[in-house]
Amino acid sequence: MKILMVCLGNICRSPLAEGILKHKLEQLSLPAHVDSAGTGNYHQGEKPDHRSVATALQYGIDISKQKARQIKPIDFQYFDRIYVMDESNRKNVLSVCPEDQQHKIKLILSVLPDFSPQEVPDPYWDSLTGFEKVYQMLDKACDQIIATDFQ
């Protein structure tokens, strides 16, 4: 299974989602390739936001070595699932995705149908509390992704 996590700049939400899912899969010895990307190239080559790094470290997850990148055309062929963080990301990804690959693109919180909101808020302009809330949402979603896609 190959999974891509996508947000706007690939420095806050999608690096957390990548780190959380990778960590959980490693703990369960489940093979997969998990990566993340942004819809924009604003932070290409940069490390994740220090607040995302700090939040992940509180849970024993090191995302400090990740590097931001923009989604590429090859990603649509390579990845089995592409989880986006919000509706804006979904629209941006769909606008560059070949029609025959669009079925792979889903809001990450859609795996939790009873969860509201269905969008992961961008914590960039928020405090550490916002990053913690995002972490908790993504943690639940990653548990469900594992239960659905890896069992």
Protein backbone atom coordinates (compact mmCIF):
# COMPACT_ATOMS: atom_id res chain seq x y z
CA MET A 1 0.00 0.00 0.00
CA LYS A 2 1.28 3.44 -0.97
CA ILE A 3 -0.30 6.47 0.69
CA LEU A 4 0.28 10.19 0.07
CA MET A 5 -0.81 12.87 2.55
CA VAL A 6 -1.43 16.32 1.07
CA CYS A 7 -1.93 19.82 2.47
CA LEU A 8 -1.17 23.31 1.17
CA GLY A 9 2.52 23.83 1.93
CA ASN A 10 3.60 20.42 3.24
CA ILE A 11 4.99 21.82 6.48
CA CYS A 12 2.19 21.45 9.06
CA ARG A 13 -0.62 18.95 8.55
CA SER A 14 0.62 16.51 5.91
CA PRO A 15 4.03 15.98 7.58
CA LEU A 16 2.20 15.15 10.82
CA ALA A 17 -0.12 12.76 8.99
CA GLU A 18 2.84 11.11 7.27
CA GLY A 19 4.74 10.76 10.54
CA ILE A 20 1.78 9.42 12.51
CA LEU A 21 0.85 6.81 9.91
CA LYS A 22 4.46 5.69 9.35
CA HIS A 23 4.97 5.35 13.10
CA LYS A 24 1.82 3.28 13.58
CA LEU A 25 2.61 1.04 10.61
CA GLU A 26 6.16 0.44 11.87
CA GLN A 27 4.85 -0.48 15.31
CA LEU A 28 2.54 -3.03 13.69
CA SER A 29 5.24 -4.25 11.25
CA LEU A 30 2.96 -3.47 8.33
CA PRO A 31 4.72 -2.72 5.03
CA ALA A 32 3.76 0.48 3.24
CA HIS A 33 5.17 3.57 1.62
CA VAL A 34 3.87 6.78 3.17
CA ASP A 35 4.87 10.22 1.93
CA SER A 36 3.52 13.76 1.97
CA ALA A 37 3.34 16.70 -0.40
CA GLY A 38 1.86 20.15 -0.76
CA THR A 39 -0.37 21.59 -3.42
CA GLY A 40 1.91 24.63 -3.55
CA ASN A 41 5.67 24.95 -3.76
CA TYR A 42 5.97 27.67 -1.12
CA HIS A 43 8.18 25.66 1.24
CA GLN A 44 9.86 23.22 -1.15
CA GLY A 45 12.93 21.63 0.49
CA GLU A 46 12.12 23.02 3.95
CA LYS A 47 11.69 20.98 7.11
CA PRO A 48 8.27 20.77 8.74
CA ASP A 49 7.12 23.69 10.88
CA HIS A 50 8.86 23.56 14.27
CA ARG A 51 5.46 23.30 15.98
CA SER A 52 4.57 20.18 13.98
CA VAL A 53 7.97 18.72 14.87
CA ALA A 54 7.48 19.54 18.58
CA THR A 55 3.94 18.12 18.63
CA ALA A 56 5.02 14.88 16.98
CA LEU A 57 7.98 14.51 19.35
CA GLN A 58 5.59 14.61 22.32
CA TYR A 59 4.28 11.28 20.99
CA GLY A 60 7.67 9.78 20.19
CA ILE A 61 7.51 10.56 16.47
CA ASP A 62 10.43 12.31 14.75
CA ILE A 63 9.38 14.15 11.58
CA SER A 64 12.33 16.57 11.61
CA LYS A 65 14.06 14.93 8.64
CA GLN A 66 11.11 15.29 6.27
CA LYS A 67 11.44 17.83 3.44
CA ALA A 68 8.53 19.70 1.89
CA ARG A 69 7.75 19.00 -1.74
CA GLN A 70 4.99 19.78 -4.19
CA ILE A 71 2.72 17.06 -5.53
CA LYS A 72 3.92 15.76 -8.93
CA PRO A 73 2.10 14.13 -11.85
CA ILE A 74 3.84 10.78 -11.16
CA ASP A 75 2.25 10.71 -7.68
CA PHE A 76 -1.16 10.01 -9.20
CA GLN A 77 0.11 6.84 -10.85
CA TYR A 78 2.32 5.69 -7.95
CA PHE A 79 0.12 6.12 -4.87
CA ASP A 80 -2.89 3.93 -4.07
CA ARG A 81 -4.51 6.51 -1.79
CA ILE A 82 -4.13 10.29 -1.67
CA TYR A 83 -5.52 11.84 1.50
CA VAL A 84 -6.01 15.61 1.51
CA MET A 85 -6.51 17.73 4.60
CA ASP A 86 -9.29 20.07 3.46
CA GLU A 87 -11.68 20.88 0.64
CA SER A 88 -9.35 23.49 -0.86
CA ASN A 89 -6.56 20.90 -1.07
CA ARG A 90 -8.99 18.43 -2.64
CA LYS A 91 -10.02 20.91 -5.34
CA ASN A 92 -6.39 21.81 -6.07
CA VAL A 93 -5.33 18.17 -6.33
CA LEU A 94 -8.31 17.23 -8.48
CA SER A 95 -7.49 20.10 -10.85
CA VAL A 96 -4.12 18.52 -11.74
CA CYS A 97 -5.05 14.86 -11.42
CA PRO A 98 -5.84 12.70 -14.45
CA GLU A 99 -9.51 11.74 -14.52
CA ASP A 100 -8.79 8.02 -14.26
CA GLN A 101 -6.90 8.56 -10.97
CA GLN A 102 -9.33 10.91 -9.21
CA HIS A 103 -10.98 8.06 -7.30
CA LYS A 104 -7.83 7.86 -5.13
CA ILE A 105 -8.32 11.35 -3.65
CA LYS A 106 -10.24 11.67 -0.38
CA LEU A 107 -10.51 14.02 2.56
CA ILE A 108 -8.53 12.30 5.31
CA LEU A 109 -11.29 12.79 7.86
CA SER A 110 -13.82 11.15 5.53
CA VAL A 111 -12.50 7.85 6.92
CA LEU A 112 -14.28 8.94 10.12
CA PRO A 113 -17.81 9.54 8.78
CA ASP A 114 -19.23 10.55 12.17
CA PHE A 115 -16.38 12.98 12.86
CA SER A 116 -17.06 16.68 12.54
CA PRO A 117 -15.59 18.75 11.02
CA GLN A 118 -14.57 16.76 7.93
CA GLU A 119 -11.66 19.14 7.26
CA VAL A 120 -8.39 19.33 9.19
CA PRO A 121 -7.88 23.02 10.03
CA ASP A 122 -4.59 24.61 9.04
CA PRO A 123 -2.79 25.35 12.32
CA TYR A 124 -0.12 27.58 10.73
CA TRP A 125 -1.53 30.81 12.23
CA ASP A 126 -2.53 29.09 15.47
CA SER A 127 -0.72 28.27 18.72
CA LEU A 128 0.64 24.90 19.82
CA THR A 129 -2.90 24.10 20.96
CA GLY A 130 -4.00 24.15 17.31
CA PHE A 131 -1.22 21.74 16.36
CA GLU A 132 -2.27 19.42 19.19
CA LYS A 133 -5.89 19.43 17.95
CA VAL A 134 -4.68 18.63 14.43
CA TYR A 135 -2.50 15.82 15.79
CA GLN A 136 -5.47 14.26 17.60
CA MET A 137 -7.66 14.40 14.47
CA LEU A 138 -4.93 12.85 12.31
CA ASP A 139 -4.17 10.20 14.93
CA LYS A 140 -7.80 9.00 14.85
CA ALA A 141 -7.87 9.09 11.06
CA CYS A 142 -4.63 7.09 10.80
CA ASP A 143 -6.02 4.43 13.14
CA GLN A 144 -9.03 4.10 10.83
CA ILE A 145 -6.86 4.02 7.69
CA ILE A 146 -4.94 1.11 9.21
CA ALA A 147 -8.14 -0.69 10.20
CA THR A 148 -9.61 -0.22 6.72
CA ASP A 149 -6.62 -0.56 4.38
CA PHE A 150 -4.32 -2.92 6.25
CA GLN A 151 -6.54 -5.56 7.84
